[in-house]
């Protein structure tokens, strides 16, 4: 998980209703806070760390999430979680 180059790329925040297989994500106001969170992420088989940077009405934000290979195998899409930090 040492390569965090994806945090430099503009990428919209995931959404529970939107496309993609990101099942859990956290939002941070600084890149440093996002990077500090990485060591606490534990990935299972078929999962990978994803993320990016974006903006909202307050300003810049960075996000980290867990993307799964198979959303159906993962479970209920309504169980997707989002956390702001």
C-alpha atoms as a PDB file:
ATOM      1  CA  UNK A   1       0.000   0.000   0.000  1.00  0.00           C
ATOM      2  CA  UNK A   2       2.997   2.290  -0.258  1.00  0.00           C
ATOM      3  CA  UNK A   3       2.095   3.636  -3.714  1.00  0.00           C
ATOM      4  CA  UNK A   4      -0.433   6.378  -3.065  1.00  0.00           C
ATOM      5  CA  UNK A   5      -0.088   8.168  -6.411  1.00  0.00           C
ATOM      6  CA  UNK A   6      -3.834   7.718  -6.953  1.00  0.00           C
ATOM      7  CA  UNK A   7      -4.410  10.408  -4.303  1.00  0.00           C
ATOM      8  CA  UNK A   8      -3.061  12.946  -6.818  1.00  0.00           C
ATOM      9  CA  UNK A   9      -5.695  12.103  -9.424  1.00  0.00           C
ATOM     10  CA  UNK A  10      -9.083  13.787  -9.702  1.00  0.00           C
ATOM     11  CA  UNK A  11     -11.702  11.113  -9.101  1.00  0.00           C
ATOM     12  CA  UNK A  12     -15.278  11.641  -8.018  1.00  0.00           C
ATOM     13  CA  UNK A  13     -16.377  10.240  -4.699  1.00  0.00           C
ATOM     14  CA  UNK A  14     -18.102   6.879  -4.946  1.00  0.00           C
ATOM     15  CA  UNK A  15     -21.794   6.601  -4.153  1.00  0.00           C
ATOM     16  CA  UNK A  16     -23.897   3.725  -2.876  1.00  0.00           C
ATOM     17  CA  UNK A  17     -26.191   4.076  -5.884  1.00  0.00           C
ATOM     18  CA  UNK A  18     -23.511   4.741  -8.479  1.00  0.00           C
ATOM     19  CA  UNK A  19     -21.488   2.455 -10.683  1.00  0.00           C
ATOM     20  CA  UNK A  20     -18.344   0.778  -9.468  1.00  0.00           C
ATOM     21  CA  UNK A  21     -17.439  -1.668  -6.775  1.00  0.00           C
ATOM     22  CA  UNK A  22     -16.216   0.631  -4.003  1.00  0.00           C
ATOM     23  CA  UNK A  23     -17.933  -0.681  -0.892  1.00  0.00           C
ATOM     24  CA  UNK A  24     -16.438   1.468   1.843  1.00  0.00           C
ATOM     25  CA  UNK A  25     -14.715   4.834   1.762  1.00  0.00           C
ATOM     26  CA  UNK A  26     -13.493   7.588   4.038  1.00  0.00           C
ATOM     27  CA  UNK A  27     -13.210  11.298   3.211  1.00  0.00           C
ATOM     28  CA  UNK A  28     -10.447  13.567   4.532  1.00  0.00           C
ATOM     29  CA  UNK A  29      -9.802  17.311   4.305  1.00  0.00           C
ATOM     30  CA  UNK A  30      -6.037  16.900   3.927  1.00  0.00           C
ATOM     31  CA  UNK A  31      -3.911  14.478   1.945  1.00  0.00           C
ATOM     32  CA  UNK A  32      -1.774  13.948   5.024  1.00  0.00           C
ATOM     33  CA  UNK A  33      -4.799  12.684   6.979  1.00  0.00           C
ATOM     34  CA  UNK A  34      -5.673  10.290   4.146  1.00  0.00           C
ATOM     35  CA  UNK A  35      -2.098   8.974   4.035  1.00  0.00           C
ATOM     36  CA  UNK A  36      -2.044   8.551   7.829  1.00  0.00           C
ATOM     37  CA  UNK A  37      -5.189   6.397   7.615  1.00  0.00           C
ATOM     38  CA  UNK A  38      -3.682   3.895   5.137  1.00  0.00           C
ATOM     39  CA  UNK A  39      -1.887   1.716   7.717  1.00  0.00           C
ATOM     40  CA  UNK A  40      -5.230   0.955   9.400  1.00  0.00           C
ATOM     41  CA  UNK A  41      -6.759  -0.487   6.205  1.00  0.00           C
ATOM     42  CA  UNK A  42      -6.876  -4.287   6.043  1.00  0.00           C
ATOM     43  CA  UNK A  43      -7.723  -5.772   2.667  1.00  0.00           C
ATOM     44  CA  UNK A  44      -9.174  -9.195   2.027  1.00  0.00           C
ATOM     45  CA  UNK A  45      -8.904 -11.416  -1.017  1.00  0.00           C
ATOM     46  CA  UNK A  46     -10.319  -9.707  -4.106  1.00  0.00           C
ATOM     47  CA  UNK A  47     -10.065  -6.216  -2.574  1.00  0.00           C
ATOM     48  CA  UNK A  48      -7.813  -3.269  -3.357  1.00  0.00           C
ATOM     49  CA  UNK A  49      -7.221   0.227  -2.052  1.00  0.00           C
ATOM     50  CA  UNK A  50      -8.477   3.036  -4.288  1.00  0.00           C
ATOM     51  CA  UNK A  51      -9.015   6.744  -3.882  1.00  0.00           C
ATOM     52  CA  UNK A  52      -8.491  10.167  -5.285  1.00  0.00           C
ATOM     53  CA  UNK A  53      -9.029  13.838  -4.785  1.00  0.00           C
ATOM     54  CA  UNK A  54     -12.110  15.937  -5.397  1.00  0.00           C
ATOM     55  CA  UNK A  55     -13.845  19.126  -4.262  1.00  0.00           C
ATOM     56  CA  UNK A  56     -17.067  20.107  -2.613  1.00  0.00           C
ATOM     57  CA  UNK A  57     -18.570  23.402  -1.479  1.00  0.00           C
ATOM     58  CA  UNK A  58     -16.103  23.608   1.431  1.00  0.00           C
ATOM     59  CA  UNK A  59     -12.951  22.923  -0.581  1.00  0.00           C
ATOM     60  CA  UNK A  60     -10.528  20.180  -1.544  1.00  0.00           C
ATOM     61  CA  UNK A  61     -10.918  16.653  -0.214  1.00  0.00           C
ATOM     62  CA  UNK A  62      -9.178  13.310  -0.532  1.00  0.00           C
ATOM     63  CA  UNK A  63     -10.790   9.923  -0.240  1.00  0.00           C
ATOM     64  CA  UNK A  64      -9.709   6.333   0.278  1.00  0.00           C
ATOM     65  CA  UNK A  65     -11.860   3.311  -0.356  1.00  0.00           C
ATOM     66  CA  UNK A  66     -11.981  -0.435  -0.697  1.00  0.00           C
ATOM     67  CA  UNK A  67     -12.899  -1.732  -4.130  1.00  0.00           C
ATOM     68  CA  UNK A  68     -14.051  -5.348  -4.476  1.00  0.00           C
ATOM     69  CA  UNK A  69     -13.727  -7.522  -7.569  1.00  0.00           C
ATOM     70  CA  UNK A  70     -17.239  -8.956  -7.338  1.00  0.00           C
ATOM     71  CA  UNK A  71     -19.937  -6.778  -5.777  1.00  0.00           C
ATOM     72  CA  UNK A  72     -22.445  -9.660  -5.811  1.00  0.00           C
ATOM     73  CA  UNK A  73     -20.052 -11.935  -3.934  1.00  0.00           C
ATOM     74  CA  UNK A  74     -19.255  -9.163  -1.476  1.00  0.00           C
ATOM     75  CA  UNK A  75     -22.855  -8.916  -0.336  1.00  0.00           C
ATOM     76  CA  UNK A  76     -25.705  -6.477  -0.061  1.00  0.00           C
ATOM     77  CA  UNK A  77     -25.063  -3.220  -1.952  1.00  0.00           C
ATOM     78  CA  UNK A  78     -27.184  -1.418   0.620  1.00  0.00           C
ATOM     79  CA  UNK A  79     -24.524  -2.254   3.229  1.00  0.00           C
ATOM     80  CA  UNK A  80     -22.027   0.115   1.576  1.00  0.00           C
ATOM     81  CA  UNK A  81     -20.460   2.466   4.161  1.00  0.00           C
ATOM     82  CA  UNK A  82     -19.150   6.034   3.932  1.00  0.00           C
ATOM     83  CA  UNK A  83     -17.270   7.952   6.601  1.00  0.00           C
ATOM     84  CA  UNK A  84     -16.084  11.548   6.676  1.00  0.00           C
ATOM     85  CA  UNK A  85     -13.043  12.421   8.742  1.00  0.00           C
END
